[in-house]
Amino acid sequence: MIIGIGCLIIFTSFTYTVAQEEVSILLGKNVTEWHAISAALISENRHEEAIKYYDKILEISPDDQKALLNKGSVLKDLDRHEEAIKYYDKILEISPNHVKALTSKGISLAFLHEWDEAEKLIVQAMELEPENKVIKSTMAQFLAGVPSIPAH
């Protein structure tokens, strides 16, 4: 009987944990709320959970540039640069002059030591928005050999 109760407790705990994970993905009623929830999760350093929301958004709207950019940024924050680049590339297919995607992809490429391609992208972003302080800072850090990750 004690073994049965123990098994029941373990099963209940496991079921509760799985249910909580499933419920957390379903919080919010629409894409706008999912964006807000994912932003809040990022601010709490709950990156993996935020990725689940971005995945849900991209299931419904695969060309959502905000979700693509933010998912790429989260992956970049997690040092998953190859994965991040895929999301930046998707944005650049849709909007070849998307400054944030160009800059973020350049930073990820710099972390992967692909300096020539990184420099081209950062210069391209700089040409599109020469007064953008984030790009200027990124360019200065790139030239100094210290790539950084700008805020989302």
Protein backbone atom coordinates (compact mmCIF):
# COMPACT_ATOMS: atom_id res chain seq x y z
CA MET A 1 0.00 0.00 0.00
CA ILE A 2 2.86 2.41 0.83
CA ILE A 3 4.47 1.64 -2.53
CA GLY A 4 1.15 2.33 -4.25
CA ILE A 5 0.78 5.68 -2.51
CA GLY A 6 4.37 6.59 -3.37
CA CYS A 7 3.80 5.72 -7.02
CA LEU A 8 0.60 7.78 -7.03
CA ILE A 9 2.43 10.79 -5.57
CA ILE A 10 5.24 10.51 -8.12
CA PHE A 11 2.76 10.09 -11.00
CA THR A 12 0.70 13.06 -9.81
CA SER A 13 3.81 15.25 -9.51
CA PHE A 14 4.96 14.27 -12.98
CA THR A 15 1.50 14.89 -14.48
CA TYR A 16 1.29 18.28 -12.75
CA THR A 17 4.72 19.31 -14.10
CA VAL A 18 3.82 18.28 -17.67
CA ALA A 19 0.45 20.04 -17.38
CA GLN A 20 2.14 23.22 -16.13
CA GLU A 21 4.50 23.22 -19.13
CA GLU A 22 1.59 22.77 -21.52
CA VAL A 23 -0.48 25.47 -19.81
CA SER A 24 2.39 27.94 -19.87
CA ILE A 25 2.48 27.72 -23.67
CA LEU A 26 -1.25 28.35 -23.88
CA LEU A 27 -1.32 31.47 -21.71
CA GLY A 28 -2.50 34.43 -23.72
CA LYS A 29 -5.21 34.41 -26.33
CA ASN A 30 -3.47 35.80 -29.38
CA VAL A 31 -0.17 36.66 -31.00
CA THR A 32 -0.06 40.12 -29.41
CA GLU A 33 -0.37 38.62 -25.93
CA TRP A 34 2.20 35.94 -26.77
CA HIS A 35 4.66 38.66 -27.79
CA ALA A 36 4.07 40.42 -24.46
CA ILE A 37 4.43 37.19 -22.48
CA SER A 38 7.64 36.26 -24.28
CA ALA A 39 9.10 39.73 -23.64
CA ALA A 40 8.29 39.37 -19.94
CA LEU A 41 9.91 35.93 -19.88
CA ILE A 42 13.06 37.32 -21.49
CA SER A 43 13.24 40.07 -18.86
CA GLU A 44 13.15 37.31 -16.23
CA ASN A 45 15.92 35.38 -18.05
CA ARG A 46 13.50 32.57 -18.87
CA HIS A 47 14.78 32.26 -22.42
CA GLU A 48 13.74 28.68 -23.15
CA GLU A 49 10.15 29.47 -22.20
CA ALA A 50 10.19 32.57 -24.40
CA ILE A 51 11.36 30.42 -27.31
CA LYS A 52 8.23 28.27 -26.91
CA TYR A 53 6.05 31.34 -27.31
CA TYR A 54 7.97 32.49 -30.37
CA ASP A 55 7.57 29.01 -31.84
CA LYS A 56 3.82 29.23 -31.26
CA ILE A 57 3.67 32.66 -32.91
CA LEU A 58 5.70 31.40 -35.89
CA GLU A 59 3.39 28.39 -36.26
CA ILE A 60 0.51 30.79 -36.81
CA SER A 61 2.42 33.51 -38.63
CA PRO A 62 5.70 32.18 -40.08
CA ASP A 63 6.71 35.59 -41.46
CA ASP A 64 6.20 37.54 -38.22
CA GLN A 65 9.38 39.60 -38.35
CA LYS A 66 9.16 40.64 -34.70
CA ALA A 67 8.97 37.00 -33.58
CA LEU A 68 11.75 36.00 -35.99
CA LEU A 69 14.01 38.81 -34.75
CA ASN A 70 13.29 38.21 -31.08
CA LYS A 71 13.71 34.44 -31.34
CA GLY A 72 17.01 35.02 -33.12
CA SER A 73 18.05 37.43 -30.36
CA VAL A 74 17.15 34.93 -27.64
CA LEU A 75 19.15 32.24 -29.41
CA LYS A 76 22.04 34.68 -29.78
CA ASP A 77 21.84 35.44 -26.04
CA LEU A 78 22.12 31.69 -25.44
CA ASP A 79 25.24 31.55 -27.68
CA ARG A 80 23.33 29.51 -30.27
CA HIS A 81 24.56 31.71 -33.10
CA GLU A 82 24.10 29.25 -35.98
CA GLU A 83 20.44 28.85 -35.05
CA ALA A 84 20.00 32.60 -34.60
CA ILE A 85 21.39 33.27 -38.08
CA LYS A 86 18.62 31.12 -39.62
CA TYR A 87 16.01 33.48 -38.16
CA TYR A 88 17.87 36.60 -39.29
CA ASP A 89 18.17 35.09 -42.77
CA LYS A 90 14.41 34.52 -42.87
CA ILE A 91 13.84 38.20 -42.06
CA LEU A 92 16.37 39.26 -44.69
CA GLU A 93 14.54 37.15 -47.30
CA ILE A 94 11.41 39.17 -46.53
CA SER A 95 13.12 42.54 -45.93
CA PRO A 96 16.68 42.64 -47.30
CA ASN A 97 17.38 46.00 -45.63
CA HIS A 98 16.10 45.13 -42.15
CA VAL A 99 18.71 46.97 -40.10
CA LYS A 100 18.28 45.04 -36.85
CA ALA A 101 18.49 41.69 -38.66
CA LEU A 102 21.60 42.81 -40.54
CA THR A 103 23.27 44.03 -37.35
CA SER A 104 22.29 40.99 -35.29
CA LYS A 105 23.39 38.57 -37.98
CA GLY A 106 26.69 40.46 -38.23
CA ILE A 107 27.21 40.12 -34.49
CA SER A 108 26.45 36.39 -34.56
CA LEU A 109 28.84 35.91 -37.47
CA ALA A 110 31.53 37.78 -35.53
CA PHE A 111 31.05 35.41 -32.60
CA LEU A 112 31.55 32.57 -35.09
CA HIS A 113 34.75 34.29 -36.31
CA GLU A 114 33.33 34.91 -39.79
CA TRP A 115 34.79 38.39 -39.80
CA ASP A 116 34.49 39.29 -43.50
CA GLU A 117 30.78 38.50 -43.76
CA ALA A 118 30.11 40.10 -40.37
CA GLU A 119 31.84 43.30 -41.44
CA LYS A 120 29.86 43.47 -44.71
CA LEU A 121 26.56 43.22 -42.86
CA ILE A 122 27.45 45.78 -40.23
CA VAL A 123 28.70 48.21 -42.90
CA GLN A 124 25.46 47.63 -44.86
CA ALA A 125 23.40 48.43 -41.75
CA MET A 126 25.54 51.51 -41.12
CA GLU A 127 24.94 52.73 -44.68
CA LEU A 128 21.18 52.31 -44.23
CA GLU A 129 21.05 54.12 -40.87
CA PRO A 130 24.27 56.09 -40.38
CA GLU A 131 22.96 57.90 -37.28
CA ASN A 132 21.74 54.74 -35.49
CA LYS A 133 23.57 54.71 -32.14
CA VAL A 134 23.31 50.92 -31.72
CA ILE A 135 24.89 50.33 -35.12
CA LYS A 136 27.61 52.91 -34.44
CA SER A 137 28.39 51.19 -31.14
CA THR A 138 28.37 47.77 -32.81
CA MET A 139 30.69 49.04 -35.54
CA ALA A 140 33.07 50.53 -32.98
CA GLN A 141 33.11 47.31 -30.96
CA PHE A 142 33.55 45.27 -34.11
CA LEU A 143 36.50 47.40 -35.19
CA ALA A 144 37.94 47.00 -31.68
CA GLY A 145 37.48 43.22 -32.00
CA VAL A 146 34.88 42.98 -29.21
CA PRO A 147 31.48 41.98 -30.63
CA SER A 148 28.60 42.51 -28.25
CA ILE A 149 24.93 41.70 -27.99
CA PRO A 150 22.68 44.78 -28.08
CA ALA A 151 19.39 44.87 -26.18
CA HIS A 152 16.33 43.45 -27.92
